[in-house]
Amino acid sequence: MKSKIYFNMFFLLLLTAIFPACEEDLSEIAAINAPTNLMLTASVMQDGSGLVNFDASAEGAMVYHYYLGVSAGERPVVSSDGNLDYAYRSSGDYTVNVVAYGPGGAATNATTEISVEVTYEPPTDLVAILTGGSSRNWLWDKAEPGHLGVGPLADDGGNPVGEPIWYMAQPFEKESEGCLYNDVMTFSLNGDNTISYTLNNQGITYFNRGEVNAELGAAVPDADRCYDYETSGSSSVGFFESDSGIPTTTDISFTIGNNGFVSYFLGSNTYEIISYSEDEIYLRTIQTDDGGAQFAWYQRLIAEDAEDGDPVVEYEEVWADEFNTDGAPNADNWTYDLGTGDNGWGNGEAQFYTDRAENVYVDNGTLKIVAKRENYNGTQFTSTRLKTEDKFEFTYGKIEVRAKLPNGGGTWPAIWMLGADYQTNTWPACGEMDIMEHVGNNQNVVQAAIHTPSSFGDTENKASTTVNGVSDDFHVYELEWTADALKFSVDGNNFYTYEPEVKDASTYPFNKDFFLILNVAIGGALGGEIDNTFTEGVMEVDYVRVYQQK
């Protein structure tokens, strides 16, 4: 590839504004300078996929606009950091221009010429299946044995293997990891017939232990685990003919630009398609560890719109509180837990729960639960715990609660459910479903959790997700509870599914009546240290709605 860089600098005029004032010095607006030292590089993949990676950098640049040379009058492709990948669909020579913008619109541009050879066009049926004709979501086919597996590239005789003979994951085996199965992988067909890919994993990525140190600089863990790792934004996908020598049935591979990957971080962005059908894709990727050893990893995905082949469930509202009447909460819907319970409600919490108007009231269309620092009945804090016990109890349904959470170290608001038989079938045997828990000491991270006789307290059955502005804006916290699964979402985005294969009554209590609880705790096992400056925190609830299948 030949690359020739041309630089053109566009400088804005120096603006000077002079404003008269009685015997005062004249004011002057400082110069607005264009970005400087703009560098542009282009790396063309030589596999016939047409994929090119561009990287631009300039001092003082705030955003970069790329003109890719594919058509006259084309709209720019915007990159916030200067990095962009693009899959050209036709061979040819292209003139690419990047404009770096600084404050006030001051700009600098650079141009590079590239030669691209496209030798492979993916089958039309594969494109239609991957993208659904526009955009299609893919999930782990977690119910299938071997949805994740690993094997050698070749046997002792040097013959290609092509099978995960070393390890095959069992159905739902990775459920307890808390992040892998939550990932949504989306392939989209663009207007120029290119394909792009996004990985939505709420910023939490499941890492192979052998990649942790090289990618994150962290100590190598004992096993694979989840790490905070941002994957937002889309990447181009370039297809090419497979040449790995490992047996395959399609001879089709693809590379995801910007070092993108399919959910599980293995340090690779190139995947062979072993097979594909209307609703399933079976992939293989090659991992090379720090010592140079290579492993063939296998991943099986299923289309979200075909997962388990289940029909769409239709719901109807069966119970709700919209909090439209000012004053005390509706006594037909709610009752209270009062006092400090046993050992701070079993968690060492610091608050005294009351039913006073100072701690709970409805005003201007929302319920307010107020946690306060005050001396009351021998405690330093007060709050409220509302519940629907003996008012509304139910089995299965979809629960939606739109709420804005309190701020402050030590606050611990929760939206949750408890088994209605808890007085005779004591916790954890009665079961607990935590739709939302938030800790003020870990702002903007919300958690869902399950407590059962087999895992309770610091349960392994939990997951968290980052929700920006939980204390500034309302968000919808949701649980879809069926006989087969518990699915937790925020604003319609699923981030945790509890779907055990075995639902033995002695360890699976989620097939009987439960009731709802809304509360704000202070301190305790999860709330942690209480900020010395904390005086008051409010959880506002816009509505609570329960739906059941028609």
Protein backbone atom coordinates (compact mmCIF):
# COMPACT_ATOMS: atom_id res chain seq x y z
CA MET A 1 0.00 0.00 0.00
CA LYS A 2 1.26 3.44 -0.87
CA SER A 3 0.37 6.26 1.48
CA LYS A 4 1.06 9.89 0.78
CA ILE A 5 0.06 12.51 3.37
CA TYR A 6 -0.87 16.02 2.42
CA PHE A 7 -1.48 18.64 5.05
CA ASN A 8 -3.63 21.73 4.65
CA MET A 9 -4.09 24.07 7.55
CA PHE A 10 -7.24 26.11 7.95
CA PHE A 11 -6.73 28.85 10.48
CA LEU A 12 -9.49 31.06 11.80
CA LEU A 13 -8.89 34.77 12.01
CA LEU A 14 -7.78 36.11 15.34
CA LEU A 15 -10.83 37.72 16.91
CA THR A 16 -10.41 40.82 19.00
CA ALA A 17 -13.38 42.43 20.69
CA ILE A 18 -12.99 45.85 22.23
CA PHE A 19 -15.68 47.06 24.58
CA PRO A 20 -15.62 50.70 25.80
CA ALA A 21 -15.94 51.30 29.52
CA CYS A 22 -15.23 54.32 31.68
CA GLU A 23 -11.45 54.49 32.31
CA GLU A 24 -11.14 50.66 32.23
CA ASP A 25 -8.60 48.54 30.31
CA LEU A 26 -9.68 47.21 26.94
CA SER A 27 -10.69 43.51 26.79
CA GLU A 28 -9.41 41.12 24.16
CA ILE A 29 -10.66 37.67 23.10
CA ALA A 30 -7.81 35.20 22.78
CA ALA A 31 -6.92 33.55 19.48
CA ILE A 32 -8.73 30.34 18.51
CA ASN A 33 -6.12 28.01 17.04
CA ALA A 34 -6.59 25.06 14.71
CA PRO A 35 -5.22 21.65 15.80
CA THR A 36 -1.56 21.12 14.98
CA ASN A 37 0.77 18.23 14.12
CA LEU A 38 -2.01 16.21 12.49
CA MET A 39 -0.82 12.69 11.68
CA LEU A 40 -2.85 10.18 9.65
CA THR A 41 -2.00 6.53 9.05
CA ALA A 42 -3.91 3.84 7.17
CA SER A 43 -3.45 0.09 7.56
CA VAL A 44 -5.02 -2.04 4.82
CA MET A 45 -5.77 -5.68 5.63
CA GLN A 46 -4.20 -7.94 3.03
CA ASP A 47 -6.75 -10.77 3.31
CA GLY A 48 -9.11 -9.51 0.62
CA SER A 49 -11.71 -8.38 3.15
CA GLY A 50 -11.39 -4.68 2.21
CA LEU A 51 -10.95 -3.72 5.86
CA VAL A 52 -8.85 -0.62 6.52
CA ASN A 53 -7.93 0.88 9.88
CA PHE A 54 -7.33 4.64 10.02
CA ASP A 55 -5.69 6.42 12.90
CA ALA A 56 -5.44 10.20 13.18
CA SER A 57 -3.99 12.31 15.98
CA ALA A 58 -3.48 16.05 16.40
CA GLU A 59 -2.67 18.38 19.23
CA GLY A 60 -5.76 20.33 20.29
CA ALA A 61 -8.24 18.18 18.32
CA MET A 62 -11.69 17.52 19.78
CA VAL A 63 -13.25 15.41 16.99
CA TYR A 64 -12.29 13.98 13.60
CA HIS A 65 -14.40 13.81 10.42
CA TYR A 66 -13.42 11.19 7.81
CA TYR A 67 -14.29 11.45 4.11
CA LEU A 68 -13.58 7.96 2.81
CA GLY A 69 -13.62 8.63 -0.93
CA VAL A 70 -16.37 6.16 -1.74
CA SER A 71 -18.72 8.63 -3.46
CA ALA A 72 -19.10 12.26 -4.46
CA GLY A 73 -20.70 14.48 -1.84
CA GLU A 74 -20.46 11.78 0.85
CA ARG A 75 -21.29 12.60 4.46
CA PRO A 76 -18.38 12.39 6.90
CA VAL A 77 -17.91 9.53 9.33
CA VAL A 78 -17.23 10.96 12.79
CA SER A 79 -14.60 9.61 15.19
CA SER A 80 -14.14 11.10 18.64
CA ASP A 81 -10.61 9.73 19.14
CA GLY A 82 -9.31 9.63 15.56
CA ASN A 83 -9.48 5.84 15.23
CA LEU A 84 -11.77 4.40 12.57
CA ASP A 85 -12.10 1.11 10.72
CA TYR A 86 -13.98 0.73 7.46
CA ALA A 87 -14.63 -2.24 5.16
CA TYR A 88 -14.53 -1.21 1.51
CA ARG A 89 -16.71 -3.32 -0.75
CA SER A 90 -14.90 -2.70 -4.04
CA SER A 91 -11.27 -2.87 -5.10
CA GLY A 92 -9.68 0.41 -6.13
CA ASP A 93 -7.65 3.46 -5.22
CA TYR A 94 -9.25 5.80 -2.72
CA THR A 95 -8.38 9.31 -1.53
CA VAL A 96 -9.25 9.65 2.14
CA ASN A 97 -9.45 13.02 3.86
CA VAL A 98 -9.64 13.57 7.62
CA VAL A 99 -10.55 16.91 9.19
CA ALA A 100 -9.50 17.52 12.80
CA TYR A 101 -11.68 20.09 14.57
CA GLY A 102 -10.60 22.10 17.60
CA PRO A 103 -12.35 24.74 19.75
CA GLY A 104 -14.63 27.12 17.92
CA GLY A 105 -14.61 24.99 14.75
CA ALA A 106 -10.95 25.68 13.92
CA ALA A 107 -9.82 22.86 11.63
CA THR A 108 -6.84 21.11 10.09
CA ASN A 109 -7.01 18.40 7.45
CA ALA A 110 -4.82 15.61 6.12
CA THR A 111 -5.19 13.34 3.11
CA THR A 112 -3.93 9.84 2.36
CA GLU A 113 -4.22 7.66 -0.73
CA ILE A 114 -4.84 3.95 -0.31
CA SER A 115 -5.11 0.97 -2.61
CA VAL A 116 -7.62 -1.66 -1.56
CA GLU A 117 -8.09 -5.10 -3.07
CA VAL A 118 -11.39 -6.79 -2.30
CA THR A 119 -11.35 -10.42 -3.38
CA TYR A 120 -14.19 -11.85 -1.34
CA GLU A 121 -17.91 -11.15 -1.12
CA PRO A 122 -19.83 -12.92 1.70
CA PRO A 123 -22.77 -15.10 0.63
CA THR A 124 -26.04 -13.20 0.47
CA ASP A 125 -27.80 -15.74 2.70
CA LEU A 126 -25.13 -15.30 5.39
CA VAL A 127 -25.53 -11.52 5.30
CA ALA A 128 -29.31 -11.89 5.53
CA ILE A 129 -29.04 -14.27 8.51
CA LEU A 130 -26.44 -12.21 10.38
CA THR A 131 -28.20 -8.87 9.99
CA GLY A 132 -31.84 -9.88 9.51
CA GLY A 133 -31.82 -7.48 6.57
CA SER A 134 -31.14 -4.49 8.84
CA SER A 135 -29.96 -5.27 12.38
CA ARG A 136 -30.08 -8.50 14.39
CA ASN A 137 -29.06 -9.36 17.95
CA TRP A 138 -27.20 -12.56 18.85
CA LEU A 139 -26.79 -14.24 22.24
CA TRP A 140 -24.85 -17.17 23.64
CA ASP A 141 -26.69 -20.42 22.89
CA LYS A 142 -26.24 -21.24 26.57
CA ALA A 143 -28.76 -24.10 26.65
CA GLU A 144 -26.65 -26.11 24.19
CA PRO A 145 -23.75 -28.33 25.33
CA GLY A 146 -20.49 -26.99 23.93
CA HIS A 147 -21.67 -23.43 23.40
CA LEU A 148 -18.13 -22.61 24.56
CA GLY A 149 -15.25 -24.99 24.04
CA VAL A 150 -11.54 -25.30 23.32
CA GLY A 151 -9.27 -27.73 21.54
CA PRO A 152 -5.90 -27.98 19.79
CA LEU A 153 -5.20 -26.80 16.27
CA ALA A 154 -3.64 -30.17 15.41
CA ASP A 155 -3.10 -33.60 16.96
CA ASP A 156 0.28 -35.15 17.82
CA GLY A 157 0.71 -36.15 14.20
CA GLY A 158 0.19 -32.61 12.96
CA ASN A 159 -3.27 -33.32 11.56
CA PRO A 160 -5.91 -30.57 11.93
CA VAL A 161 -8.46 -31.36 14.66
CA GLY A 162 -11.30 -28.87 14.28
CA GLU A 163 -13.19 -29.92 17.43
CA PRO A 164 -13.26 -28.69 21.08
CA ILE A 165 -11.88 -31.96 22.45
CA TRP A 166 -10.27 -30.41 25.55
CA TYR A 167 -13.31 -28.71 27.04
CA MET A 168 -17.01 -28.23 26.29
CA ALA A 169 -19.21 -26.04 28.51
CA GLN A 170 -22.34 -27.68 29.86
CA PRO A 171 -25.75 -25.96 29.51
CA PHE A 172 -25.89 -22.76 31.59
CA GLU A 173 -22.45 -23.55 33.06
CA LYS A 174 -21.29 -19.93 32.98
CA GLU A 175 -24.47 -18.50 34.56
CA SER A 176 -22.70 -17.90 37.87
CA GLU A 177 -20.00 -15.77 36.20
CA GLY A 178 -22.53 -12.95 36.17
CA CYS A 179 -21.53 -11.25 32.91
CA LEU A 180 -20.89 -13.55 29.94
CA TYR A 181 -24.46 -14.59 29.17
CA ASN A 182 -25.70 -11.00 29.44
CA ASP A 183 -23.80 -9.94 26.32
CA VAL A 184 -25.73 -8.93 23.21
CA MET A 185 -23.85 -9.05 19.88
CA THR A 186 -25.40 -7.07 17.02
CA PHE A 187 -24.63 -7.29 13.30
CA SER A 188 -26.06 -4.44 11.21
CA LEU A 189 -26.34 -3.91 7.44
CA ASN A 190 -25.43 -0.34 6.53
CA GLY A 191 -26.72 1.79 3.66
CA ASP A 192 -23.50 1.21 1.66
CA ASN A 193 -23.93 -2.58 2.07
CA THR A 194 -21.10 -2.83 4.59
CA ILE A 195 -21.67 -4.70 7.84
CA SER A 196 -20.94 -3.32 11.30
CA TYR A 197 -20.78 -5.02 14.69
CA THR A 198 -21.42 -3.87 18.25
CA LEU A 199 -20.98 -5.66 21.56
CA ASN A 200 -23.32 -4.49 24.31
CA ASN A 201 -22.06 -5.88 27.61
CA GLN A 202 -22.68 -2.92 29.94
CA GLY A 203 -18.92 -2.30 30.13
CA ILE A 204 -18.21 -5.66 31.81
CA THR A 205 -16.18 -8.22 29.82
CA TYR A 206 -15.45 -11.89 30.47
CA PHE A 207 -11.67 -12.36 30.10
CA ASN A 208 -9.65 -15.49 29.46
CA ARG A 209 -7.18 -15.53 32.31
CA GLY A 210 -4.24 -15.66 29.88
CA GLU A 211 -5.18 -12.26 28.43
CA VAL A 212 -5.66 -10.32 31.66
CA ASN A 213 -2.09 -9.16 32.24
CA ALA A 214 -1.30 -8.23 28.64
CA GLU A 215 -4.54 -6.31 28.06
CA LEU A 216 -5.34 -4.89 31.49
CA GLY A 217 -1.98 -4.91 33.25
CA ALA A 218 -3.61 -6.75 36.18
CA ALA A 219 -2.34 -9.78 38.03
CA VAL A 220 -3.20 -13.08 36.37
CA PRO A 221 -6.24 -14.57 38.17
CA ASP A 222 -6.72 -18.23 39.04
CA ALA A 223 -9.56 -18.55 36.52
CA ASP A 224 -11.41 -16.63 33.83
CA ARG A 225 -13.45 -13.77 35.28
CA CYS A 226 -15.32 -10.54 34.54
CA TYR A 227 -13.55 -7.18 34.41
CA ASP A 228 -14.66 -3.62 33.76
CA TYR A 229 -13.79 -3.12 30.08
CA GLU A 230 -15.54 -0.72 27.73
CA THR A 231 -16.74 -2.09 24.36
CA SER A 232 -19.15 0.61 23.24
CA GLY A 233 -19.26 1.79 19.62
CA SER A 234 -19.55 -0.07 16.34
CA SER A 235 -16.81 -1.67 14.23
CA SER A 236 -16.69 -2.65 10.56
CA VAL A 237 -16.73 -6.35 9.65
CA GLY A 238 -14.63 -7.61 6.75
CA PHE A 239 -15.15 -11.11 5.29
CA PHE A 240 -12.54 -13.28 3.59
CA GLU A 241 -11.92 -16.88 2.56
CA SER A 242 -10.60 -19.06 5.39
CA ASP A 243 -7.07 -20.38 5.10
CA SER A 244 -6.31 -21.69 8.60
CA GLY A 245 -6.13 -25.33 7.50
CA ILE A 246 -8.46 -26.39 10.31
CA PRO A 247 -11.46 -28.35 9.01
CA THR A 248 -14.45 -26.12 8.43
CA THR A 249 -17.68 -26.43 6.51
CA THR A 250 -18.03 -22.91 5.09
CA ASP A 251 -14.48 -21.61 4.36
CA ILE A 252 -15.72 -18.18 5.49
CA SER A 253 -13.97 -15.97 8.03
CA PHE A 254 -14.43 -12.41 9.20
CA THR A 255 -12.37 -9.81 11.01
CA ILE A 256 -13.87 -7.23 13.39
CA GLY A 257 -12.15 -3.87 13.17
CA ASN A 258 -10.80 -1.86 16.12
CA ASN A 259 -9.83 -5.18 17.72
CA GLY A 260 -13.46 -6.01 18.36
CA PHE A 261 -14.39 -9.46 19.64
CA VAL A 262 -17.33 -11.78 20.12
CA SER A 263 -18.13 -11.49 23.85
CA TYR A 264 -15.30 -13.61 25.33
CA PHE A 265 -11.94 -11.78 25.34
CA LEU A 266 -9.31 -14.06 23.82
CA GLY A 267 -7.01 -11.45 22.29
CA SER A 268 -8.31 -12.25 18.80
CA ASN A 269 -10.59 -10.36 16.42
CA THR A 270 -10.75 -12.90 13.57
CA TYR A 271 -13.34 -15.71 13.48
CA GLU A 272 -14.01 -18.66 11.19
CA ILE A 273 -17.63 -19.60 10.57
CA ILE A 274 -17.82 -23.36 11.02
CA SER A 275 -21.52 -23.47 10.23
CA TYR A 276 -24.59 -21.28 10.15
CA SER A 277 -28.32 -21.75 9.89
CA GLU A 278 -31.35 -19.47 10.02
CA ASP A 279 -30.99 -18.86 13.78
CA GLU A 280 -27.56 -20.18 14.79
CA ILE A 281 -23.88 -19.41 14.12
CA TYR A 282 -20.97 -21.62 15.16
CA LEU A 283 -17.58 -19.85 15.30
CA ARG A 284 -13.93 -20.66 15.90
CA THR A 285 -11.13 -18.25 16.80
CA ILE A 286 -7.44 -18.82 17.44
CA GLN A 287 -5.86 -17.59 20.67
CA THR A 288 -2.09 -17.19 20.94
CA ASP A 289 -0.84 -16.94 24.52
CA ASP A 290 2.23 -15.09 25.82
CA GLY A 291 4.40 -18.18 25.27
CA GLY A 292 3.33 -18.58 21.65
CA ALA A 293 1.06 -21.58 22.25
CA GLN A 294 -2.15 -21.60 20.20
CA PHE A 295 -5.64 -22.77 21.12
CA ALA A 296 -8.78 -23.11 19.01
CA TRP A 297 -11.83 -21.71 20.83
CA TYR A 298 -15.39 -22.48 19.75
CA GLN A 299 -18.47 -20.30 20.34
CA ARG A 300 -22.10 -21.05 19.48
CA LEU A 301 -24.56 -18.15 19.16
CA ILE A 302 -28.32 -18.04 18.75
CA ALA A 303 -30.44 -15.22 17.34
CA GLU A 304 -32.25 -13.29 20.07
CA ASP A 305 -35.52 -13.45 18.15
CA ALA A 306 -35.30 -17.25 18.06
CA GLU A 307 -33.84 -18.07 21.51
CA ASP A 308 -35.40 -21.28 22.83
CA GLY A 309 -38.07 -20.95 20.15
CA ASP A 310 -40.41 -19.43 22.75
CA PRO A 311 -43.38 -17.38 21.55
CA VAL A 312 -43.67 -13.75 22.60
CA VAL A 313 -45.43 -13.52 25.97
CA GLU A 314 -48.37 -11.10 26.09
CA TYR A 315 -48.97 -9.40 29.44
CA GLU A 316 -51.79 -7.40 30.97
CA GLU A 317 -51.64 -5.13 34.01
CA VAL A 318 -53.08 -6.73 37.16
CA TRP A 319 -51.96 -4.32 39.90
CA ALA A 320 -50.39 -0.87 40.07
CA ASP A 321 -49.80 2.17 42.22
CA GLU A 322 -49.26 5.36 40.21
CA PHE A 323 -48.94 7.54 43.36
CA ASN A 324 -51.35 10.19 42.09
CA THR A 325 -52.93 11.08 45.45
CA ASP A 326 -50.93 13.32 47.79
CA GLY A 327 -50.46 12.33 51.41
CA ALA A 328 -49.76 8.96 52.97
CA PRO A 329 -49.28 5.92 50.68
CA ASN A 330 -52.51 4.10 49.80
CA ALA A 331 -53.34 1.86 52.77
CA ASP A 332 -55.14 -0.56 50.43
CA ASN A 333 -51.81 -1.27 48.77
CA TRP A 334 -49.12 -0.84 51.41
CA THR A 335 -48.19 -1.70 54.96
CA TYR A 336 -44.94 -1.21 56.90
CA ASP A 337 -42.08 -2.88 58.69
CA LEU A 338 -41.32 -0.79 61.80
CA GLY A 339 -38.34 -0.50 64.13
CA THR A 340 -34.85 -1.91 63.79
CA GLY A 341 -35.67 -5.59 63.40
CA ASP A 342 -33.27 -8.26 64.61
CA ASN A 343 -29.66 -7.02 64.44
CA GLY A 344 -30.55 -4.15 62.13
CA TRP A 345 -32.89 -6.32 60.04
CA GLY A 346 -30.25 -9.04 59.92
CA ASN A 347 -27.70 -6.86 58.14
CA GLY A 348 -26.43 -4.52 60.87
CA GLU A 349 -28.36 -1.59 59.37
CA ALA A 350 -28.39 1.71 61.28
CA GLN A 351 -31.89 3.07 60.58
CA PHE A 352 -35.19 2.92 62.50
CA TYR A 353 -38.08 2.30 60.09
CA THR A 354 -41.18 4.44 60.67
CA ASP A 355 -44.50 5.19 58.99
CA ARG A 356 -44.22 8.94 59.74
CA ALA A 357 -44.88 11.60 57.13
CA GLU A 358 -41.31 12.78 57.73
CA ASN A 359 -40.07 9.52 56.19
CA VAL A 360 -42.72 8.57 53.64
CA TYR A 361 -45.31 10.51 51.65
CA VAL A 362 -46.79 11.00 48.19
CA ASP A 363 -46.45 14.40 46.54
CA ASN A 364 -46.73 15.71 42.99
CA GLY A 365 -47.13 12.26 41.44
CA THR A 366 -44.31 10.38 43.15
CA LEU A 367 -43.76 8.42 46.33
CA LYS A 368 -40.93 9.75 48.50
CA ILE A 369 -39.05 7.50 50.93
CA VAL A 370 -36.80 9.75 52.99
CA ALA A 371 -33.79 8.50 54.94
CA LYS A 372 -32.72 11.07 57.55
CA ARG A 373 -29.98 11.56 60.07
CA GLU A 374 -31.81 12.27 63.35
CA ASN A 375 -31.93 10.98 66.90
CA TYR A 376 -34.97 8.72 67.14
CA ASN A 377 -35.74 5.92 69.61
CA GLY A 378 -32.07 5.35 70.36
CA THR A 379 -30.93 5.42 66.72
CA GLN A 380 -29.22 8.09 64.63
CA PHE A 381 -31.16 7.50 61.41
CA THR A 382 -34.76 6.99 60.28
CA SER A 383 -36.29 5.72 57.05
CA THR A 384 -39.25 3.65 55.75
CA ARG A 385 -39.83 0.12 54.51
CA LEU A 386 -43.06 -0.29 52.54
CA LYS A 387 -44.44 -3.69 51.58
CA THR A 388 -47.51 -5.24 49.94
CA GLU A 389 -47.64 -8.16 52.39
CA ASP A 390 -51.27 -9.29 52.94
CA LYS A 391 -52.34 -6.57 50.46
CA PHE A 392 -51.04 -7.96 47.16
CA GLU A 393 -49.17 -11.24 46.78
CA PHE A 394 -48.70 -13.10 43.51
CA THR A 395 -46.88 -15.81 41.57
CA TYR A 396 -45.14 -15.00 38.27
CA GLY A 397 -45.40 -11.82 36.28
CA LYS A 398 -43.50 -8.79 35.07
CA ILE A 399 -42.73 -6.08 37.63
CA GLU A 400 -41.78 -2.53 36.61
CA VAL A 401 -40.72 0.19 39.06
CA ARG A 402 -39.72 3.62 37.80
CA ALA A 403 -37.54 5.27 40.41
CA LYS A 404 -34.85 7.84 41.13
CA LEU A 405 -32.39 6.78 43.81
CA PRO A 406 -30.90 8.65 46.77
CA ASN A 407 -27.33 9.88 46.81
CA GLY A 408 -24.87 9.66 49.69
CA GLY A 409 -22.33 7.26 51.15
CA GLY A 410 -24.07 4.66 53.29
CA THR A 411 -27.45 4.78 51.50
CA TRP A 412 -28.78 1.40 50.41
CA PRO A 413 -32.09 1.68 48.52
CA ALA A 414 -33.75 -1.53 47.36
CA ILE A 415 -36.69 -2.75 45.29
CA TRP A 416 -37.20 -6.40 46.09
CA MET A 417 -39.54 -9.33 46.78
CA LEU A 418 -39.85 -11.81 49.63
CA GLY A 419 -41.60 -15.17 49.78
CA ALA A 420 -45.02 -14.69 51.38
CA ASP A 421 -44.50 -17.76 53.60
CA TYR A 422 -41.41 -16.29 55.29
CA GLN A 423 -42.91 -16.49 58.80
CA THR A 424 -43.24 -20.29 58.66
CA ASN A 425 -40.64 -20.99 55.98
CA THR A 426 -37.86 -18.78 57.29
CA TRP A 427 -35.33 -16.99 55.12
CA PRO A 428 -33.55 -18.03 52.94
CA ALA A 429 -35.88 -21.01 52.37
CA CYS A 430 -38.73 -18.60 51.56
CA GLY A 431 -36.67 -17.04 48.76
CA GLU A 432 -35.73 -13.46 47.91
CA MET A 433 -35.56 -11.62 44.56
CA ASP A 434 -33.70 -8.31 44.56
CA ILE A 435 -34.88 -6.37 41.52
CA MET A 436 -32.62 -3.41 42.31
CA GLU A 437 -30.07 -2.62 44.99
CA HIS A 438 -27.84 0.45 44.93
CA VAL A 439 -25.00 1.42 47.24
CA GLY A 440 -24.22 5.11 47.63
CA ASN A 441 -20.57 4.23 48.15
CA ASN A 442 -20.56 2.74 44.64
CA GLN A 443 -22.55 5.36 42.78
CA ASN A 444 -24.32 4.45 39.51
CA VAL A 445 -23.83 0.69 39.86
CA VAL A 446 -27.05 -1.25 40.47
CA GLN A 447 -27.31 -4.92 41.34
CA ALA A 448 -29.83 -7.72 41.00
CA ALA A 449 -29.54 -10.80 43.20
CA ILE A 450 -31.22 -14.09 44.12
CA HIS A 451 -31.20 -15.64 47.58
CA THR A 452 -32.05 -19.34 47.95
CA PRO A 453 -31.18 -22.12 50.42
CA SER A 454 -28.25 -23.05 48.17
CA SER A 455 -26.84 -19.49 47.87
CA PHE A 456 -27.70 -16.59 50.17
CA GLY A 457 -26.16 -13.64 51.98
CA ASP A 458 -23.18 -12.82 49.79
CA THR A 459 -24.86 -14.91 47.12
CA GLU A 460 -23.10 -16.00 43.95
CA ASN A 461 -26.38 -15.55 42.07
CA LYS A 462 -26.11 -11.86 41.24
CA ALA A 463 -25.03 -9.37 38.60
CA SER A 464 -24.48 -5.63 38.39
CA THR A 465 -24.62 -3.01 35.68
CA THR A 466 -23.66 0.64 35.37
CA VAL A 467 -26.57 3.07 35.03
CA ASN A 468 -25.48 6.66 34.63
CA GLY A 469 -27.44 9.23 36.63
CA VAL A 470 -29.34 6.91 38.98
CA SER A 471 -29.70 9.77 41.47
CA ASP A 472 -30.41 12.43 38.84
CA ASP A 473 -32.92 10.71 36.57
CA PHE A 474 -35.70 8.17 36.74
CA HIS A 475 -34.98 4.68 35.43
CA VAL A 476 -37.23 1.63 35.05
CA TYR A 477 -36.13 -1.40 37.08
CA GLU A 478 -37.77 -4.57 35.86
CA LEU A 479 -38.10 -8.26 36.69
CA GLU A 480 -39.72 -10.77 34.36
CA TRP A 481 -40.56 -13.79 36.53
CA THR A 482 -41.75 -16.99 34.87
CA ALA A 483 -41.77 -20.66 35.80
CA ASP A 484 -38.52 -21.08 33.88
CA ALA A 485 -36.43 -17.98 34.55
CA LEU A 486 -35.90 -14.66 36.33
CA LYS A 487 -34.80 -11.88 33.98
CA PHE A 488 -33.62 -8.54 35.39
CA SER A 489 -33.44 -5.36 33.29
CA VAL A 490 -32.88 -1.62 33.52
CA ASP A 491 -34.67 0.60 31.01
CA GLY A 492 -35.50 -2.49 28.96
CA ASN A 493 -31.89 -3.75 28.81
CA ASN A 494 -31.49 -7.21 30.31
CA PHE A 495 -28.33 -7.56 32.40
CA TYR A 496 -28.95 -10.73 34.43
CA THR A 497 -30.89 -13.92 33.85
CA TYR A 498 -31.24 -16.65 36.47
CA GLU A 499 -32.26 -19.83 34.69
CA PRO A 500 -31.14 -22.97 36.55
CA GLU A 501 -31.58 -26.26 34.76
CA VAL A 502 -32.78 -28.00 37.94
CA LYS A 503 -35.62 -26.39 39.91
CA ASP A 504 -35.80 -28.65 42.94
CA ALA A 505 -38.32 -27.32 45.47
CA SER A 506 -35.75 -27.54 48.27
CA THR A 507 -33.41 -25.09 46.54
CA TYR A 508 -35.69 -23.20 44.14
CA PRO A 509 -38.38 -21.25 46.01
CA PHE A 510 -39.61 -19.10 43.11
CA ASN A 511 -42.81 -20.95 42.28
CA LYS A 512 -45.16 -19.53 44.91
CA ASP A 513 -46.54 -16.20 46.13
CA PHE A 514 -44.19 -13.28 46.84
CA PHE A 515 -44.84 -9.67 47.89
CA LEU A 516 -43.10 -6.39 47.00
CA ILE A 517 -40.87 -4.27 49.25
CA LEU A 518 -39.53 -0.71 48.78
CA ASN A 519 -37.05 0.65 51.29
CA VAL A 520 -33.96 2.77 51.90
CA ALA A 521 -31.54 1.29 54.43
CA ILE A 522 -28.55 3.08 55.95
CA GLY A 523 -25.19 1.37 56.44
CA GLY A 524 -25.14 -2.34 57.16
CA ALA A 525 -23.47 -5.24 55.39
CA LEU A 526 -23.99 -3.85 51.90
CA GLY A 527 -24.54 -0.13 52.57
CA GLY A 528 -21.15 0.14 54.22
CA GLU A 529 -19.62 3.22 55.82
CA ILE A 530 -21.97 6.15 56.33
CA ASP A 531 -20.65 9.49 55.09
CA ASN A 532 -20.20 11.91 58.01
CA THR A 533 -21.77 14.67 55.90
CA PHE A 534 -24.91 12.67 55.05
CA THR A 535 -28.09 14.30 56.37
CA GLU A 536 -30.90 13.14 54.08
CA GLY A 537 -31.50 10.99 51.00
CA VAL A 538 -34.72 10.42 49.05
CA MET A 539 -35.85 7.56 46.83
CA GLU A 540 -38.60 8.80 44.52
CA VAL A 541 -40.90 6.22 42.91
CA ASP A 542 -43.03 7.27 39.93
CA TYR A 543 -44.96 4.01 39.70
CA VAL A 544 -45.05 0.32 40.58
CA ARG A 545 -46.76 -1.92 38.00
CA VAL A 546 -47.33 -5.66 37.91
CA TYR A 547 -48.31 -7.53 34.75
CA GLN A 548 -49.25 -11.16 34.28
CA GLN A 549 -49.59 -13.32 31.21
CA LYS A 550 -52.94 -13.07 29.45
